[in-house]
């Protein structure tokens, strides 16, 4: 890993202990997982809106 920024502060990864390096790697991995979850959430919202529009169209036809 190269230098990393946390709370706007540059972290010299090489100066971290083994525990600090492991913690940083875990934090990076968790952040990547959160980004993936956010992408999934956006995809699920798109699908939910799509299916909701189908239901709205069908119920609008019944109201006519």
N, C-alpha and C. Protein backbone atom coordinates (compact mmCIF):
# COMPACT_ATOMS: atom_id res chain seq x y z
N UNK A 1 0.84 -1.19 0.00
CA UNK A 1 0.00 0.00 0.00
C UNK A 1 0.89 1.25 0.00
N UNK A 2 0.36 2.27 -0.58
CA UNK A 2 1.06 3.55 -0.57
C UNK A 2 0.46 4.45 0.50
N UNK A 3 0.79 5.71 0.46
CA UNK A 3 0.21 6.63 1.43
C UNK A 3 -1.30 6.63 1.31
N UNK A 4 -1.94 6.84 2.41
CA UNK A 4 -3.40 6.78 2.49
C UNK A 4 -3.88 7.96 3.30
N UNK A 5 -5.08 8.41 3.03
CA UNK A 5 -5.63 9.57 3.73
C UNK A 5 -6.82 9.15 4.58
N UNK A 6 -6.79 9.53 5.85
CA UNK A 6 -7.90 9.29 6.77
C UNK A 6 -8.23 10.61 7.43
N UNK A 7 -9.49 11.01 7.37
CA UNK A 7 -9.94 12.29 7.94
C UNK A 7 -9.11 13.45 7.40
N UNK A 8 -8.73 13.38 6.13
CA UNK A 8 -7.98 14.44 5.50
C UNK A 8 -6.51 14.48 5.87
N UNK A 9 -6.06 13.50 6.61
CA UNK A 9 -4.66 13.45 7.05
C UNK A 9 -3.95 12.32 6.32
N UNK A 10 -2.82 12.63 5.70
CA UNK A 10 -2.04 11.61 5.00
C UNK A 10 -1.41 10.65 6.01
N UNK A 11 -1.56 9.38 5.76
CA UNK A 11 -0.99 8.35 6.63
C UNK A 11 0.16 7.69 5.88
N UNK A 12 1.33 7.69 6.49
CA UNK A 12 2.49 6.99 5.92
C UNK A 12 2.37 5.54 6.33
N UNK A 13 1.92 4.71 5.41
CA UNK A 13 1.64 3.31 5.70
C UNK A 13 2.88 2.60 6.21
N UNK A 14 4.03 2.94 5.66
CA UNK A 14 5.26 2.26 6.07
C UNK A 14 5.62 2.53 7.52
N UNK A 15 5.12 3.63 8.08
CA UNK A 15 5.44 3.95 9.48
C UNK A 15 4.51 3.23 10.46
N UNK A 16 3.47 2.57 9.94
CA UNK A 16 2.53 1.86 10.81
C UNK A 16 3.12 0.53 11.27
N UNK A 17 2.70 0.12 12.46
CA UNK A 17 3.07 -1.20 12.95
C UNK A 17 2.35 -2.26 12.12
N UNK A 18 2.66 -3.51 12.34
CA UNK A 18 1.96 -4.58 11.63
C UNK A 18 0.47 -4.54 11.95
N UNK A 19 0.15 -4.26 13.21
CA UNK A 19 -1.26 -4.16 13.61
C UNK A 19 -1.93 -2.99 12.90
N UNK A 20 -1.24 -1.85 12.81
CA UNK A 20 -1.79 -0.69 12.12
C UNK A 20 -2.00 -0.96 10.65
N UNK A 21 -1.04 -1.65 10.03
CA UNK A 21 -1.18 -2.00 8.61
C UNK A 21 -2.36 -2.93 8.39
N UNK A 22 -2.52 -3.90 9.29
CA UNK A 22 -3.63 -4.84 9.18
C UNK A 22 -4.96 -4.11 9.36
N UNK A 23 -5.00 -3.18 10.31
CA UNK A 23 -6.23 -2.41 10.54
C UNK A 23 -6.55 -1.55 9.33
N UNK A 24 -5.54 -0.94 8.74
CA UNK A 24 -5.76 -0.12 7.55
C UNK A 24 -6.28 -0.98 6.40
N UNK A 25 -5.71 -2.15 6.23
CA UNK A 25 -6.17 -3.05 5.16
C UNK A 25 -7.61 -3.45 5.38
N UNK A 26 -7.97 -3.74 6.64
CA UNK A 26 -9.36 -4.08 6.95
C UNK A 26 -10.28 -2.91 6.63
N UNK A 27 -9.86 -1.70 6.99
CA UNK A 27 -10.68 -0.51 6.71
C UNK A 27 -10.86 -0.32 5.21
N UNK A 28 -9.80 -0.51 4.45
CA UNK A 28 -9.89 -0.38 2.98
C UNK A 28 -10.84 -1.43 2.43
N UNK A 29 -10.73 -2.67 2.91
CA UNK A 29 -11.62 -3.74 2.44
C UNK A 29 -13.07 -3.45 2.78
N UNK A 30 -13.31 -2.97 4.00
CA UNK A 30 -14.68 -2.63 4.40
C UNK A 30 -15.25 -1.51 3.55
N UNK A 31 -14.42 -0.52 3.24
CA UNK A 31 -14.87 0.57 2.39
C UNK A 31 -15.25 0.06 1.00
N UNK A 32 -14.46 -0.85 0.47
CA UNK A 32 -14.77 -1.43 -0.85
C UNK A 32 -16.08 -2.21 -0.79
N UNK A 33 -16.31 -2.93 0.30
CA UNK A 33 -17.56 -3.66 0.45
C UNK A 33 -18.75 -2.69 0.53
N UNK A 34 -18.57 -1.60 1.26
CA UNK A 34 -19.64 -0.60 1.35
C UNK A 34 -19.96 0.01 0.00
N UNK A 35 -18.93 0.26 -0.80
CA UNK A 35 -19.17 0.79 -2.14
C UNK A 35 -19.96 -0.21 -2.98
N UNK A 36 -19.62 -1.49 -2.85
CA UNK A 36 -20.36 -2.53 -3.57
C UNK A 36 -21.80 -2.62 -3.12
N UNK A 37 -22.02 -2.49 -1.82
CA UNK A 37 -23.39 -2.52 -1.29
C UNK A 37 -24.18 -1.33 -1.80
N UNK A 38 -23.55 -0.17 -1.87
CA UNK A 38 -24.23 1.02 -2.39
C UNK A 38 -24.63 0.82 -3.85
N UNK A 39 -23.76 0.20 -4.64
CA UNK A 39 -24.10 -0.09 -6.03
C UNK A 39 -25.28 -1.04 -6.10
N UNK A 40 -25.29 -2.06 -5.24
CA UNK A 40 -26.41 -3.01 -5.21
C UNK A 40 -27.70 -2.31 -4.80
N UNK A 41 -27.61 -1.39 -3.83
CA UNK A 41 -28.79 -0.65 -3.39
C UNK A 41 -29.38 0.16 -4.53
N UNK A 42 -28.51 0.80 -5.31
CA UNK A 42 -28.98 1.58 -6.44
C UNK A 42 -29.64 0.68 -7.48
N UNK A 43 -29.05 -0.47 -7.75
CA UNK A 43 -29.64 -1.41 -8.69
C UNK A 43 -31.00 -1.90 -8.20
N UNK A 44 -31.09 -2.22 -6.92
CA UNK A 44 -32.36 -2.69 -6.36
C UNK A 44 -33.43 -1.61 -6.41
N UNK A 45 -33.05 -0.37 -6.16
CA UNK A 45 -34.01 0.73 -6.27
C UNK A 45 -34.53 0.89 -7.69
N UNK A 46 -33.64 0.74 -8.67
CA UNK A 46 -34.07 0.81 -10.07
C UNK A 46 -35.08 -0.28 -10.38
N UNK A 47 -34.79 -1.50 -9.94
CA UNK A 47 -35.70 -2.61 -10.19
C UNK A 47 -37.03 -2.41 -9.47
N UNK A 48 -36.96 -1.96 -8.21
CA UNK A 48 -38.19 -1.73 -7.46
C UNK A 48 -39.05 -0.68 -8.14
N UNK A 49 -38.45 0.39 -8.61
CA UNK A 49 -39.21 1.43 -9.31
C UNK A 49 -39.80 0.91 -10.61
N UNK A 50 -39.06 0.06 -11.30
CA UNK A 50 -39.56 -0.53 -12.55
C UNK A 50 -40.81 -1.37 -12.28
N UNK A 51 -40.72 -2.24 -11.28
CA UNK A 51 -41.86 -3.10 -10.99
C UNK A 51 -43.03 -2.30 -10.42
N UNK A 52 -42.74 -1.28 -9.65
CA UNK A 52 -43.81 -0.43 -9.13
C UNK A 52 -44.52 0.28 -10.27
N UNK A 53 -43.79 0.68 -11.29
CA UNK A 53 -44.43 1.36 -12.43
C UNK A 53 -45.35 0.40 -13.18
N UNK A 54 -44.98 -0.86 -13.26
CA UNK A 54 -45.85 -1.85 -13.90
C UNK A 54 -47.16 -1.97 -13.12
N UNK A 55 -47.05 -2.04 -11.80
CA UNK A 55 -48.24 -2.15 -10.96
C UNK A 55 -49.09 -0.88 -11.09
N UNK A 56 -48.46 0.29 -11.10
CA UNK A 56 -49.21 1.55 -11.25
C UNK A 56 -49.95 1.57 -12.58
N UNK A 57 -49.30 1.11 -13.65
CA UNK A 57 -49.96 1.09 -14.96
C UNK A 57 -51.17 0.18 -14.94
N UNK A 58 -51.03 -0.98 -14.32
CA UNK A 58 -52.15 -1.92 -14.29
C UNK A 58 -53.30 -1.41 -13.43
N UNK A 59 -52.98 -0.76 -12.33
CA UNK A 59 -54.06 -0.25 -11.48
C UNK A 59 -54.69 0.99 -12.10
N UNK A 60 -53.94 1.75 -12.88
CA UNK A 60 -54.51 2.91 -13.58
C UNK A 60 -55.51 2.45 -14.63
N UNK A 61 -55.21 1.32 -15.28
CA UNK A 61 -56.13 0.78 -16.29
C UNK A 61 -57.43 0.33 -15.64
N UNK A 62 -57.35 -0.21 -14.41
CA UNK A 62 -58.55 -0.63 -13.69
C UNK A 62 -59.41 0.55 -13.29
N UNK A 63 -58.76 1.70 -13.02
CA UNK A 63 -59.50 2.89 -12.58
C UNK A 63 -60.29 3.53 -13.73
N UNK A 64 -59.91 3.23 -14.96
CA UNK A 64 -60.57 3.85 -16.11
C UNK A 64 -61.92 3.26 -16.40
